[in-house]
Amino acid sequence: MSPDADVVRLRALAHPIRLGMLRQLAREPEVCACDLGGAFAVSQPTVSEHLRVLREAGLVRTRRQGNQICYAAEPAAIEAVADLVATLRPDTAGSAGPTNTAGTAGSGVSSSRRPG
């Protein structure tokens, strides 16, 4: 995935309503757009706008069922976001933990007071 796609996906998830919608879509196999408005106490045009952003980011897919449009989480895109977030974890392999050298020998800071 290109860095630009990463940014688009993370930006889409940065809004609390869109994040909540994607969480709901991850729990349920498919949700119709008309069912999301009540869950988030927003108008249908607002729901449509948030779903558009998620769709354009590739995080959801759509299926038309009569007059309704049903949405589902896109597993490959969710996995890509999870992989991206995993790269942000600090590498702790082989280390005993964070090293704090402030106030220790060689740091240029002395812990003893000199008469003055």
Protein backbone atom coordinates (compact mmCIF):
# COMPACT_ATOMS: atom_id res chain seq x y z
CA MET A 1 0.00 0.00 0.00
CA SER A 2 1.28 3.47 -0.81
CA PRO A 3 1.95 5.98 1.97
CA ASP A 4 -0.83 8.13 0.55
CA ALA A 5 -3.33 5.27 1.00
CA ASP A 6 -2.17 4.90 4.61
CA VAL A 7 -2.80 8.59 5.24
CA VAL A 8 -6.23 8.47 3.59
CA ARG A 9 -7.27 5.47 5.69
CA LEU A 10 -5.99 6.92 8.95
CA ARG A 11 -7.61 10.27 8.20
CA ALA A 12 -10.92 8.49 7.53
CA LEU A 13 -10.65 6.72 10.89
CA ALA A 14 -9.74 9.90 12.76
CA HIS A 15 -13.37 11.02 13.03
CA PRO A 16 -15.19 9.48 16.02
CA ILE A 17 -18.40 8.79 14.08
CA ARG A 18 -16.56 7.07 11.23
CA LEU A 19 -14.51 5.04 13.68
CA GLY A 20 -17.72 4.01 15.45
CA MET A 21 -19.36 3.08 12.16
CA LEU A 22 -16.41 0.92 11.19
CA ARG A 23 -16.46 -0.75 14.61
CA GLN A 24 -20.13 -1.58 14.09
CA LEU A 25 -19.42 -2.87 10.60
CA ALA A 26 -16.63 -5.04 12.00
CA ARG A 27 -19.09 -6.64 14.48
CA GLU A 28 -21.87 -7.25 11.96
CA PRO A 29 -21.47 -8.87 8.56
CA GLU A 30 -23.43 -6.13 6.80
CA VAL A 31 -25.38 -3.02 7.79
CA CYS A 32 -27.70 -0.93 5.65
CA ALA A 33 -26.97 2.79 5.62
CA CYS A 34 -30.45 3.59 6.93
CA ASP A 35 -29.68 1.61 10.11
CA LEU A 36 -26.59 3.63 11.00
CA GLY A 37 -28.22 7.04 11.51
CA GLY A 38 -30.07 6.09 14.68
CA ALA A 39 -27.04 4.38 16.18
CA PHE A 40 -25.01 7.58 15.97
CA ALA A 41 -27.77 10.19 16.37
CA VAL A 42 -26.92 11.95 13.12
CA SER A 43 -28.99 12.76 10.04
CA GLN A 44 -29.08 10.49 7.02
CA PRO A 45 -27.08 12.95 4.87
CA THR A 46 -24.38 12.97 7.55
CA VAL A 47 -24.35 9.16 7.62
CA SER A 48 -24.02 9.13 3.83
CA GLU A 49 -21.11 11.56 3.94
CA HIS A 50 -19.23 9.54 6.56
CA LEU A 51 -19.83 6.31 4.64
CA ARG A 52 -18.58 7.99 1.46
CA VAL A 53 -15.31 8.88 3.20
CA LEU A 54 -14.92 5.30 4.48
CA ARG A 55 -15.73 3.89 1.03
CA GLU A 56 -13.27 6.21 -0.76
CA ALA A 57 -10.59 5.19 1.74
CA GLY A 58 -11.26 1.57 0.81
CA LEU A 59 -12.30 0.63 4.34
CA VAL A 60 -15.82 -0.51 3.43
CA ARG A 61 -17.52 -2.14 0.47
CA THR A 62 -21.10 -1.71 -0.68
CA ARG A 63 -23.87 -3.90 -2.01
CA ARG A 64 -27.17 -2.67 -3.35
CA GLN A 65 -30.26 -4.47 -2.06
CA GLY A 66 -33.31 -3.02 -3.77
CA ASN A 67 -33.44 0.65 -2.77
CA GLN A 68 -30.96 0.19 0.08
CA ILE A 69 -27.20 0.24 0.09
CA CYS A 70 -25.61 -2.16 2.54
CA TYR A 71 -22.09 -1.70 3.86
CA ALA A 72 -19.51 -4.15 5.14
CA ALA A 73 -15.99 -3.72 6.46
CA GLU A 74 -13.29 -4.50 3.89
CA PRO A 75 -11.12 -7.13 5.64
CA ALA A 76 -7.97 -6.54 3.56
CA ALA A 77 -8.06 -2.80 4.26
CA ILE A 78 -8.63 -3.37 7.99
CA GLU A 79 -5.69 -5.79 8.02
CA ALA A 80 -3.53 -3.20 6.23
CA VAL A 81 -4.37 -0.60 8.90
CA ALA A 82 -3.60 -3.12 11.66
CA ASP A 83 -0.24 -3.89 10.02
CA LEU A 84 0.53 -0.18 9.75
CA VAL A 85 -0.26 0.41 13.42
CA ALA A 86 1.89 -2.60 14.36
CA THR A 87 4.89 -0.88 12.74
CA LEU A 88 4.46 1.96 15.24
CA ARG A 89 5.14 -0.24 18.26
CA PRO A 90 8.57 0.27 19.80
CA ASP A 91 11.01 -2.56 19.13
CA THR A 92 11.66 -4.08 22.56
CA ALA A 93 13.29 -7.30 21.37
CA GLY A 94 16.64 -7.76 23.08
CA SER A 95 16.25 -4.75 25.34
CA ALA A 96 15.68 -4.77 29.06
CA GLY A 97 13.48 -1.72 28.84
CA PRO A 98 13.88 2.00 28.43
CA THR A 99 17.24 3.45 29.33
CA ASN A 100 17.29 6.62 31.36
CA THR A 101 20.75 8.16 31.52
CA ALA A 102 19.76 11.52 33.01
CA GLY A 103 21.82 12.30 36.09
CA THR A 104 24.25 9.39 35.61
CA ALA A 105 27.97 9.32 35.03
CA GLY A 106 28.97 10.58 31.63
CA SER A 107 25.82 12.61 31.17
CA GLY A 108 27.42 15.86 32.16
CA VAL A 109 25.12 16.17 35.17
CA SER A 110 26.53 15.77 38.63
CA SER A 111 24.42 14.59 41.52
CA SER A 112 26.75 16.02 44.18
CA ARG A 113 26.79 19.64 45.21
CA ARG A 114 30.04 21.53 45.23
CA PRO A 115 30.67 24.12 47.85
CA GLY A 116 30.57 27.35 46.28
